[in-house]
Amino acid sequence: KGNCSFSFIEQFRALHQCNEYCEMLGLKSLRTTHQ
């Protein structure tokens, strides 16, 4: 169990903007999966 509220996870998912390093690692955009 972490030491931060799990609402941080929801906020991250809603606000994160992928950058070139996300693309290099082949990470999926959170926007599209969330929508």
PDB file of all heavy atoms in Angstrom:
ATOM      1  N   LYS A   1       0.868  -1.189   0.000  1.00  0.00           N
ATOM      2  CA  LYS A   1       0.000   0.000   0.000  1.00  0.00           C
ATOM      3  C   LYS A   1       0.893   1.223   0.000  1.00  0.00           C
ATOM      4  O   LYS A   1       1.826   1.309   0.791  1.00  0.00           O
ATOM      5  CB  LYS A   1      -0.905   0.006   1.226  1.00  0.00           C
ATOM      6  CG  LYS A   1      -2.111  -0.889   1.036  1.00  0.00           C
ATOM      7  CD  LYS A   1      -3.285  -0.421   1.867  1.00  0.00           C
ATOM      8  CE  LYS A   1      -4.516  -1.262   1.539  1.00  0.00           C
ATOM      9  NZ  LYS A   1      -5.755  -0.584   1.686  1.00  0.00           N
ATOM     10  N   GLY A   2       0.586   2.156  -0.893  1.00  0.00           N
ATOM     11  CA  GLY A   2       1.404   3.361  -0.986  1.00  0.00           C
ATOM     12  C   GLY A   2       1.096   4.338   0.127  1.00  0.00           C
ATOM     13  O   GLY A   2       0.343   4.044   1.053  1.00  0.00           O
ATOM     14  N   ASN A   3       1.673   5.535   0.017  1.00  0.00           N
ATOM     15  CA  ASN A   3       1.452   6.564   1.035  1.00  0.00           C
ATOM     16  C   ASN A   3       0.731   7.775   0.442  1.00  0.00           C
ATOM     17  O   ASN A   3       0.759   8.852   0.996  1.00  0.00           O
ATOM     18  CB  ASN A   3       2.792   6.991   1.651  1.00  0.00           C
ATOM     19  CG  ASN A   3       3.766   7.528   0.605  1.00  0.00           C
ATOM     20  OD1 ASN A   3       3.564   7.356  -0.592  1.00  0.00           O
ATOM     21  ND2 ASN A   3       4.829   8.166   1.047  1.00  0.00           N
ATOM     22  N   CYS A   4       0.108   7.600  -0.735  1.00  0.00           N
ATOM     23  CA  CYS A   4      -0.630   8.694  -1.374  1.00  0.00           C
ATOM     24  C   CYS A   4      -2.037   8.221  -1.733  1.00  0.00           C
ATOM     25  O   CYS A   4      -2.248   7.032  -1.962  1.00  0.00           O
ATOM     26  CB  CYS A   4       0.059   9.124  -2.662  1.00  0.00           C
ATOM     27  SG  CYS A   4       1.692   9.804  -2.406  1.00  0.00           S
ATOM     28  N   SER A   5      -2.933   9.169  -1.849  1.00  0.00           N
ATOM     29  CA  SER A   5      -4.317   8.844  -2.173  1.00  0.00           C
ATOM     30  C   SER A   5      -4.433   8.270  -3.579  1.00  0.00           C
ATOM     31  O   SER A   5      -3.733   8.699  -4.489  1.00  0.00           O
ATOM     32  CB  SER A   5      -5.143  10.114  -2.079  1.00  0.00           C
ATOM     33  OG  SER A   5      -6.268  10.024  -2.926  1.00  0.00           O
ATOM     34  N   PHE A   6      -5.336   7.317  -3.766  1.00  0.00           N
ATOM     35  CA  PHE A   6      -5.448   6.703  -5.078  1.00  0.00           C
ATOM     36  C   PHE A   6      -6.106   7.642  -6.091  1.00  0.00           C
ATOM     37  O   PHE A   6      -6.086   7.384  -7.291  1.00  0.00           O
ATOM     38  CB  PHE A   6      -6.122   5.322  -4.992  1.00  0.00           C
ATOM     39  CG  PHE A   6      -7.606   5.291  -5.229  1.00  0.00           C
ATOM     40  CD1 PHE A   6      -8.109   4.956  -6.471  1.00  0.00           C
ATOM     41  CD2 PHE A   6      -8.499   5.567  -4.200  1.00  0.00           C
ATOM     42  CE1 PHE A   6      -9.474   4.906  -6.686  1.00  0.00           C
ATOM     43  CE2 PHE A   6      -9.862   5.515  -4.413  1.00  0.00           C
ATOM     44  CZ  PHE A   6     -10.349   5.190  -5.661  1.00  0.00           C
ATOM     45  N   SER A   7      -6.628   8.792  -5.615  1.00  0.00           N
ATOM     46  CA  SER A   7      -7.171   9.773  -6.564  1.00  0.00           C
ATOM     47  C   SER A   7      -6.053  10.325  -7.461  1.00  0.00           C
ATOM     48  O   SER A   7      -6.302  10.801  -8.559  1.00  0.00           O
ATOM     49  CB  SER A   7      -7.846  10.920  -5.822  1.00  0.00           C
ATOM     50  OG  SER A   7      -6.887  11.624  -5.058  1.00  0.00           O
ATOM     51  N   PHE A   8      -4.794  10.226  -6.995  1.00  0.00           N
ATOM     52  CA  PHE A   8      -3.653  10.656  -7.807  1.00  0.00           C
ATOM     53  C   PHE A   8      -3.612   9.848  -9.107  1.00  0.00           C
ATOM     54  O   PHE A   8      -3.234  10.357 -10.151  1.00  0.00           O
ATOM     55  CB  PHE A   8      -2.335  10.421  -7.071  1.00  0.00           C
ATOM     56  CG  PHE A   8      -2.082  11.352  -5.911  1.00  0.00           C
ATOM     57  CD1 PHE A   8      -3.088  12.149  -5.385  1.00  0.00           C
ATOM     58  CD2 PHE A   8      -0.822  11.432  -5.342  1.00  0.00           C
ATOM     59  CE1 PHE A   8      -2.845  12.993  -4.314  1.00  0.00           C
ATOM     60  CE2 PHE A   8      -0.571  12.279  -4.273  1.00  0.00           C
ATOM     61  CZ  PHE A   8      -1.579  13.056  -3.756  1.00  0.00           C
ATOM     62  N   ILE A   9      -3.968   8.573  -9.000  1.00  0.00           N
ATOM     63  CA  ILE A   9      -3.929   7.692 -10.176  1.00  0.00           C
ATOM     64  C   ILE A   9      -4.951   8.180 -11.195  1.00  0.00           C
ATOM     65  O   ILE A   9      -4.651   8.284 -12.379  1.00  0.00           O
ATOM     66  CB  ILE A   9      -4.187   6.214  -9.777  1.00  0.00           C
ATOM     67  CG1 ILE A   9      -3.037   5.712  -8.879  1.00  0.00           C
ATOM     68  CG2 ILE A   9      -4.340   5.333 -11.014  1.00  0.00           C
ATOM     69  CD1 ILE A   9      -3.170   4.267  -8.421  1.00  0.00           C
ATOM     70  N   GLU A  10      -6.164   8.508 -10.711  1.00  0.00           N
ATOM     71  CA  GLU A  10      -7.217   8.996 -11.614  1.00  0.00           C
ATOM     72  C   GLU A  10      -6.805  10.309 -12.271  1.00  0.00           C
ATOM     73  O   GLU A  10      -7.016  10.513 -13.458  1.00  0.00           O
ATOM     74  CB  GLU A  10      -8.515   9.210 -10.829  1.00  0.00           C
ATOM     75  CG  GLU A  10      -9.116   7.912 -10.340  1.00  0.00           C
ATOM     76  CD  GLU A  10     -10.317   8.136  -9.433  1.00  0.00           C
ATOM     77  OE1 GLU A  10     -10.468   9.265  -8.912  1.00  0.00           O
ATOM     78  OE2 GLU A  10     -11.087   7.196  -9.253  1.00  0.00           O
ATOM     79  N   GLN A  11      -6.204  11.189 -11.469  1.00  0.00           N
ATOM     80  CA  GLN A  11      -5.764  12.479 -12.010  1.00  0.00           C
ATOM     81  C   GLN A  11      -4.674  12.289 -13.044  1.00  0.00           C
ATOM     82  O   GLN A  11      -4.669  12.940 -14.086  1.00  0.00           O
ATOM     83  CB  GLN A  11      -5.280  13.381 -10.874  1.00  0.00           C
ATOM     84  CG  GLN A  11      -6.435  13.986 -10.125  1.00  0.00           C
ATOM     85  CD  GLN A  11      -6.018  14.624  -8.819  1.00  0.00           C
ATOM     86  OE1 GLN A  11      -4.912  14.419  -8.338  1.00  0.00           O
ATOM     87  NE2 GLN A  11      -6.907  15.377  -8.236  1.00  0.00           N
ATOM     88  N   PHE A  12      -3.747  11.387 -12.749  1.00  0.00           N
ATOM     89  CA  PHE A  12      -2.660  11.135 -13.703  1.00  0.00           C
ATOM     90  C   PHE A  12      -3.244  10.635 -15.023  1.00  0.00           C
ATOM     91  O   PHE A  12      -2.891  11.098 -16.097  1.00  0.00           O
ATOM     92  CB  PHE A  12      -1.671  10.102 -13.144  1.00  0.00           C
ATOM     93  CG  PHE A  12      -0.636   9.684 -14.152  1.00  0.00           C
ATOM     94  CD1 PHE A  12       0.426  10.528 -14.463  1.00  0.00           C
ATOM     95  CD2 PHE A  12      -0.737   8.479 -14.819  1.00  0.00           C
ATOM     96  CE1 PHE A  12       1.367  10.175 -15.423  1.00  0.00           C
ATOM     97  CE2 PHE A  12       0.197   8.111 -15.780  1.00  0.00           C
ATOM     98  CZ  PHE A  12       1.254   8.963 -16.072  1.00  0.00           C
ATOM     99  N   ARG A  13      -4.170   9.694 -14.904  1.00  0.00           N
ATOM    100  CA  ARG A  13      -4.767   9.094 -16.112  1.00  0.00           C
ATOM    101  C   ARG A  13      -5.470  10.174 -16.950  1.00  0.00           C
ATOM    102  O   ARG A  13      -5.397  10.175 -18.167  1.00  0.00           O
ATOM    103  CB  ARG A  13      -5.752   8.004 -15.696  1.00  0.00           C
ATOM    104  CG  ARG A  13      -6.231   7.144 -16.852  1.00  0.00           C
ATOM    105  CD  ARG A  13      -7.047   5.985 -16.343  1.00  0.00           C
ATOM    106  NE  ARG A  13      -8.178   6.443 -15.540  1.00  0.00           N
ATOM    107  CZ  ARG A  13      -8.703   5.755 -14.548  1.00  0.00           C
ATOM    108  NH1 ARG A  13      -8.203   4.588 -14.213  1.00  0.00           N
ATOM    109  NH2 ARG A  13      -9.740   6.212 -13.890  1.00  0.00           N
ATOM    110  N   ALA A  14      -6.116  11.111 -16.278  1.00  0.00           N
ATOM    111  CA  ALA A  14      -6.856  12.149 -16.999  1.00  0.00           C
ATOM    112  C   ALA A  14      -5.945  13.235 -17.572  1.00  0.00           C
ATOM    113  O   ALA A  14      -6.251  13.810 -18.602  1.00  0.00           O
ATOM    114  CB  ALA A  14      -7.880  12.777 -16.058  1.00  0.00           C
ATOM    115  N   LEU A  15      -4.822  13.506 -16.897  1.00  0.00           N
ATOM    116  CA  LEU A  15      -4.017  14.665 -17.271  1.00  0.00           C
ATOM    117  C   LEU A  15      -2.725  14.353 -18.021  1.00  0.00           C
ATOM    118  O   LEU A  15      -2.142  15.239 -18.621  1.00  0.00           O
ATOM    119  CB  LEU A  15      -3.649  15.469 -16.012  1.00  0.00           C
ATOM    120  CG  LEU A  15      -4.821  16.082 -15.251  1.00  0.00           C
ATOM    121  CD1 LEU A  15      -4.362  16.598 -13.901  1.00  0.00           C
ATOM    122  CD2 LEU A  15      -5.454  17.213 -16.054  1.00  0.00           C
ATOM    123  N   HIS A  16      -2.267  13.107 -17.964  1.00  0.00           N
ATOM    124  CA  HIS A  16      -0.968  12.787 -18.585  1.00  0.00           C
ATOM    125  C   HIS A  16      -0.994  13.013 -20.091  1.00  0.00           C
ATOM    126  O   HIS A  16      -1.912  12.588 -20.776  1.00  0.00           O
ATOM    127  CB  HIS A  16      -0.593  11.328 -18.307  1.00  0.00           C
ATOM    128  CG  HIS A  16       0.628  10.878 -19.047  1.00  0.00           C
ATOM    129  ND1 HIS A  16       1.892  11.354 -18.743  1.00  0.00           N
ATOM    130  CD2 HIS A  16       0.782  10.034 -20.086  1.00  0.00           C
ATOM    131  CE1 HIS A  16       2.765  10.788 -19.571  1.00  0.00           C
ATOM    132  NE2 HIS A  16       2.125   9.990 -20.399  1.00  0.00           N
ATOM    133  N   GLN A  17       0.028  13.698 -20.577  1.00  0.00           N
ATOM    134  CA  GLN A  17       0.179  13.879 -22.019  1.00  0.00           C
ATOM    135  C   GLN A  17       1.433  13.131 -22.449  1.00  0.00           C
ATOM    136  O   GLN A  17       2.516  13.414 -21.941  1.00  0.00           O
ATOM    137  CB  GLN A  17       0.320  15.370 -22.347  1.00  0.00           C
ATOM    138  CG  GLN A  17      -0.952  16.121 -22.072  1.00  0.00           C
ATOM    139  CD  GLN A  17      -0.814  17.618 -22.316  1.00  0.00           C
ATOM    140  OE1 GLN A  17       0.233  18.205 -22.111  1.00  0.00           O
ATOM    141  NE2 GLN A  17      -1.893  18.227 -22.760  1.00  0.00           N
ATOM    142  N   CYS A  18       1.266  12.181 -23.341  1.00  0.00           N
ATOM    143  CA  CYS A  18       2.414  11.391 -23.776  1.00  0.00           C
ATOM    144  C   CYS A  18       3.434  12.279 -24.487  1.00  0.00           C
ATOM    145  O   CYS A  18       3.069  13.243 -25.153  1.00  0.00           O
ATOM    146  CB  CYS A  18       1.972  10.272 -24.711  1.00  0.00           C
ATOM    147  SG  CYS A  18       1.217   8.910 -23.796  1.00  0.00           S
ATOM    148  N   ASN A  19       4.695  11.935 -24.352  1.00  0.00           N
ATOM    149  CA  ASN A  19       5.757  12.657 -25.046  1.00  0.00           C
ATOM    150  C   ASN A  19       6.572  11.659 -25.870  1.00  0.00           C
ATOM    151  O   ASN A  19       6.235  10.479 -25.932  1.00  0.00           O
ATOM    152  CB  ASN A  19       6.624  13.414 -24.030  1.00  0.00           C
ATOM    153  CG  ASN A  19       7.253  12.483 -23.000  1.00  0.00           C
ATOM    154  OD1 ASN A  19       7.841  11.461 -23.341  1.00  0.00           O
ATOM    155  ND2 ASN A  19       7.117  12.837 -21.728  1.00  0.00           N
ATOM    156  N   GLU A  20       7.652  12.129 -26.472  1.00  0.00           N
ATOM    157  CA  GLU A  20       8.432  11.259 -27.374  1.00  0.00           C
ATOM    158  C   GLU A  20       9.000  10.041 -26.647  1.00  0.00           C
ATOM    159  O   GLU A  20       9.184   8.989 -27.253  1.00  0.00           O
ATOM    160  CB  GLU A  20       9.572  12.046 -28.036  1.00  0.00           C
ATOM    161  CG  GLU A  20      10.547  12.665 -27.047  1.00  0.00           C
ATOM    162  CD  GLU A  20      11.688  13.445 -27.693  1.00  0.00           C
ATOM    163  OE1 GLU A  20      12.314  12.896 -28.624  1.00  0.00           O
ATOM    164  OE2 GLU A  20      11.949  14.584 -27.267  1.00  0.00           O
ATOM    165  N   TYR A  21       9.270  10.168 -25.337  1.00  0.00           N
ATOM    166  CA  TYR A  21       9.840   9.034 -24.600  1.00  0.00           C
ATOM    167  C   TYR A  21       8.786   7.948 -24.364  1.00  0.00           C
ATOM    168  O   TYR A  21       9.092   6.765 -24.367  1.00  0.00           O
ATOM    169  CB  TYR A  21      10.493   9.503 -23.293  1.00  0.00           C
ATOM    170  CG  TYR A  21      11.580  10.527 -23.545  1.00  0.00           C
ATOM    171  CD1 TYR A  21      11.391  11.868 -23.240  1.00  0.00           C
ATOM    172  CD2 TYR A  21      12.783  10.148 -24.152  1.00  0.00           C
ATOM    173  CE1 TYR A  21      12.377  12.813 -23.512  1.00  0.00           C
ATOM    174  CE2 TYR A  21      13.774  11.086 -24.429  1.00  0.00           C
ATOM    175  CZ  TYR A  21      13.564  12.418 -24.108  1.00  0.00           C
ATOM    176  OH  TYR A  21      14.535  13.346 -24.384  1.00  0.00           O
ATOM    177  N   CYS A  22       7.533   8.374 -24.173  1.00  0.00           N
ATOM    178  CA  CYS A  22       6.427   7.400 -24.055  1.00  0.00           C
ATOM    179  C   CYS A  22       6.341   6.612 -25.370  1.00  0.00           C
ATOM    180  O   CYS A  22       6.161   5.393 -25.368  1.00  0.00           O
ATOM    181  CB  CYS A  22       5.094   8.105 -23.817  1.00  0.00           C
ATOM    182  SG  CYS A  22       4.980   9.003 -22.258  1.00  0.00           S
ATOM    183  N   GLU A  23       6.474   7.362 -26.477  1.00  0.00           N
ATOM    184  CA  GLU A  23       6.392   6.726 -27.799  1.00  0.00           C
ATOM    185  C   GLU A  23       7.541   5.738 -28.003  1.00  0.00           C
ATOM    186  O   GLU A  23       7.339   4.641 -28.506  1.00  0.00           O
ATOM    187  CB  GLU A  23       6.385   7.785 -28.905  1.00  0.00           C
ATOM    188  CG  GLU A  23       5.027   8.466 -29.043  1.00  0.00           C
ATOM    189  CD  GLU A  23       5.077   9.758 -29.858  1.00  0.00           C
ATOM    190  OE1 GLU A  23       5.969   9.876 -30.735  1.00  0.00           O
ATOM    191  OE2 GLU A  23       4.239  10.646 -29.599  1.00  0.00           O
ATOM    192  N   MET A  24       8.760   6.134 -27.606  1.00  0.00           N
ATOM    193  CA  MET A  24       9.927   5.248 -27.752  1.00  0.00           C
ATOM    194  C   MET A  24       9.714   3.923 -27.031  1.00  0.00           C
ATOM    195  O   MET A  24      10.138   2.883 -27.492  1.00  0.00           O
ATOM    196  CB  MET A  24      11.189   5.918 -27.194  1.00  0.00           C
ATOM    197  CG  MET A  24      11.837   6.907 -28.115  1.00  0.00           C
ATOM    198  SD  MET A  24      13.423   7.423 -27.384  1.00  0.00           S
ATOM    199  CE  MET A  24      13.651   8.978 -28.222  1.00  0.00           C
ATOM    200  N   LEU A  25       9.051   3.995 -25.868  1.00  0.00           N
ATOM    201  CA  LEU A  25       8.814   2.778 -25.085  1.00  0.00           C
ATOM    202  C   LEU A  25       7.550   2.038 -25.533  1.00  0.00           C
ATOM    203  O   LEU A  25       7.203   1.007 -24.983  1.00  0.00           O
ATOM    204  CB  LEU A  25       8.708   3.133 -23.603  1.00  0.00           C
ATOM    205  CG  LEU A  25      10.044   3.328 -22.885  1.00  0.00           C
ATOM    206  CD1 LEU A  25       9.859   4.127 -21.616  1.00  0.00           C
ATOM    207  CD2 LEU A  25      10.712   1.993 -22.564  1.00  0.00           C
ATOM    208  N   GLY A  26       6.850   2.618 -26.528  1.00  0.00           N
ATOM    209  CA  GLY A  26       5.642   1.960 -27.041  1.00  0.00           C
ATOM    210  C   GLY A  26       4.490   1.949 -26.053  1.00  0.00           C
ATOM    211  O   GLY A  26       3.666   1.031 -26.056  1.00  0.00           O
ATOM    212  N   LEU A  27       4.421   2.974 -25.185  1.00  0.00           N
ATOM    213  CA  LEU A  27       3.323   3.037 -24.206  1.00  0.00           C
ATOM    214  C   LEU A  27       2.053   3.513 -24.889  1.00  0.00           C
ATOM    215  O   LEU A  27       2.093   4.365 -25.762  1.00  0.00           O
ATOM    216  CB  LEU A  27       3.693   3.983 -23.059  1.00  0.00           C
ATOM    217  CG  LEU A  27       4.954   3.617 -22.275  1.00  0.00           C
ATOM    218  CD1 LEU A  27       5.305   4.714 -21.280  1.00  0.00           C
ATOM    219  CD2 LEU A  27       4.798   2.289 -21.559  1.00  0.00           C
ATOM    220  N   LYS A  28       0.937   2.946 -24.462  1.00  0.00           N
ATOM    221  CA  LYS A  28      -0.350   3.291 -25.080  1.00  0.00           C
ATOM    222  C   LYS A  28      -0.886   4.589 -24.488  1.00  0.00           C
ATOM    223  O   LYS A  28      -0.817   4.783 -23.280  1.00  0.00           O
ATOM    224  CB  LYS A  28      -1.364   2.177 -24.814  1.00  0.00           C
ATOM    225  CG  LYS A  28      -1.009   0.880 -25.509  1.00  0.00           C
ATOM    226  CD  LYS A  28      -1.957  -0.236 -25.076  1.00  0.00           C
ATOM    227  CE  LYS A  28      -1.397  -1.594 -25.406  1.00  0.00           C
ATOM    228  NZ  LYS A  28      -0.233  -1.966 -24.546  1.00  0.00           N
ATOM    229  N   SER A  29      -1.432   5.432 -25.337  1.00  0.00           N
ATOM    230  CA  SER A  29      -1.987   6.701 -24.864  1.00  0.00           C
ATOM    231  C   SER A  29      -3.122   6.424 -23.879  1.00  0.00           C
ATOM    232  O   SER A  29      -3.986   5.597 -24.132  1.00  0.00           O
ATOM    233  CB  SER A  29      -2.521   7.504 -26.044  1.00  0.00           C
ATOM    234  OG  SER A  29      -3.363   8.534 -25.553  1.00  0.00           O
ATOM    235  N   LEU A  30      -3.106   7.122 -22.761  1.00  0.00           N
ATOM    236  CA  LEU A  30      -4.142   6.916 -21.738  1.00  0.00           C
ATOM    237  C   LEU A  30      -5.442   7.578 -22.158  1.00  0.00           C
ATOM    238  O   LEU A  30      -6.504   7.184 -21.737  1.00  0.00           O
ATOM    239  CB  LEU A  30      -3.677   7.491 -20.401  1.00  0.00           C
ATOM    240  CG  LEU A  30      -2.382   6.891 -19.856  1.00  0.00           C
ATOM    241  CD1 LEU A  30      -1.976   7.581 -18.575  1.00  0.00           C
ATOM    242  CD2 LEU A  30      -2.541   5.401 -19.601  1.00  0.00           C
ATOM    243  N   ARG A  31      -5.341   8.602 -22.994  1.00  0.00           N
ATOM    244  CA  ARG A  31      -6.548   9.294 -23.479  1.00  0.00           C
ATOM    245  C   ARG A  31      -7.459   8.322 -24.215  1.00  0.00           C
ATOM    246  O   ARG A  31      -8.601   8.162 -23.888  1.00  0.00           O
ATOM    247  CB  ARG A  31      -6.168  10.423 -24.444  1.00  0.00           C
ATOM    248  CG  ARG A  31      -5.362  11.536 -23.802  1.00  0.00           C
ATOM    249  CD  ARG A  31      -6.270  12.447 -22.988  1.00  0.00           C
ATOM    250  NE  ARG A  31      -5.529  13.106 -21.931  1.00  0.00           N
ATOM    251  CZ  ARG A  31      -5.060  14.328 -22.010  1.00  0.00           C
ATOM    252  NH1 ARG A  31      -5.261  15.042 -23.084  1.00  0.00           N
ATOM    253  NH2 ARG A  31      -4.404  14.861 -21.003  1.00  0.00           N
ATOM    254  N   THR A  32      -6.882   7.645 -25.218  1.00  0.00           N
ATOM    255  CA  THR A  32      -7.726   6.801 -26.074  1.00  0.00           C
ATOM    256  C   THR A  32      -8.287   5.628 -25.292  1.00  0.00           C
ATOM    257  O   THR A  32      -9.464   5.353 -25.366  1.00  0.00           O
ATOM    258  CB  THR A  32      -6.945   6.291 -27.295  1.00  0.00           C
ATOM    259  OG1 THR A  32      -5.738   5.701 -26.815  1.00  0.00           O
ATOM    260  CG2 THR A  32      -6.596   7.423 -28.240  1.00  0.00           C
ATOM    261  N   THR A  33      -7.446   4.960 -24.483  1.00  0.00           N
ATOM    262  CA  THR A  33      -7.958   3.789 -23.760  1.00  0.00           C
ATOM    263  C   THR A  33      -9.038   4.228 -22.782  1.00  0.00           C
ATOM    264  O   THR A  33     -10.049   3.574 -22.645  1.00  0.00           O
ATOM    265  CB  THR A  33      -6.839   3.040 -22.991  1.00  0.00           C
ATOM    266  OG1 THR A  33      -6.110   4.009 -22.234  1.00  0.00           O
ATOM    267  CG2 THR A  33      -5.902   2.318 -23.914  1.00  0.00           C
ATOM    268  N   HIS A  34      -8.829   5.395 -22.149  1.00  0.00           N
ATOM    269  CA  HIS A  34      -9.792   5.897 -21.167  1.00  0.00           C
ATOM    270  C   HIS A  34     -11.121   6.205 -21.867  1.00  0.00           C
ATOM    271  O   HIS A  34     -12.178   5.813 -21.407  1.00  0.00           O
ATOM    272  CB  HIS A  34      -9.213   7.159 -20.517  1.00  0.00           C
ATOM    273  CG  HIS A  34      -9.942   7.574 -19.283  1.00  0.00           C
ATOM    274  ND1 HIS A  34     -10.281   6.673 -18.304  1.00  0.00           N
ATOM    275  CD2 HIS A  34     -10.409   8.783 -18.864  1.00  0.00           C
ATOM    276  CE1 HIS A  34     -10.921   7.316 -17.334  1.00  0.00           C
ATOM    277  NE2 HIS A  34     -11.007   8.595 -17.648  1.00  0.00           N
ATOM    278  N   GLN A  35     -11.059   6.882 -23.019  1.00  0.00           N
ATOM    279  CA  GLN A  35     -12.284   7.234 -23.741  1.00  0.00           C
ATOM    280  C   GLN A  35     -12.990   5.980 -24.259  1.00  0.00           C
ATOM    281  O   GLN A  35     -14.195   5.873 -24.171  1.00  0.00           O
ATOM    282  CB  GLN A  35     -11.945   8.169 -24.910  1.00  0.00           C
ATOM    283  CG  GLN A  35     -11.755   9.600 -24.432  1.00  0.00           C
ATOM    284  CD  GLN A  35     -10.900  10.435 -25.375  1.00  0.00           C
ATOM    285  OE1 GLN A  35     -10.441   9.944 -26.400  1.00  0.00           O
ATOM    286  NE2 GLN A  35     -10.710  11.681 -25.033  1.00  0.00           N
TER     287      GLN A  35
END
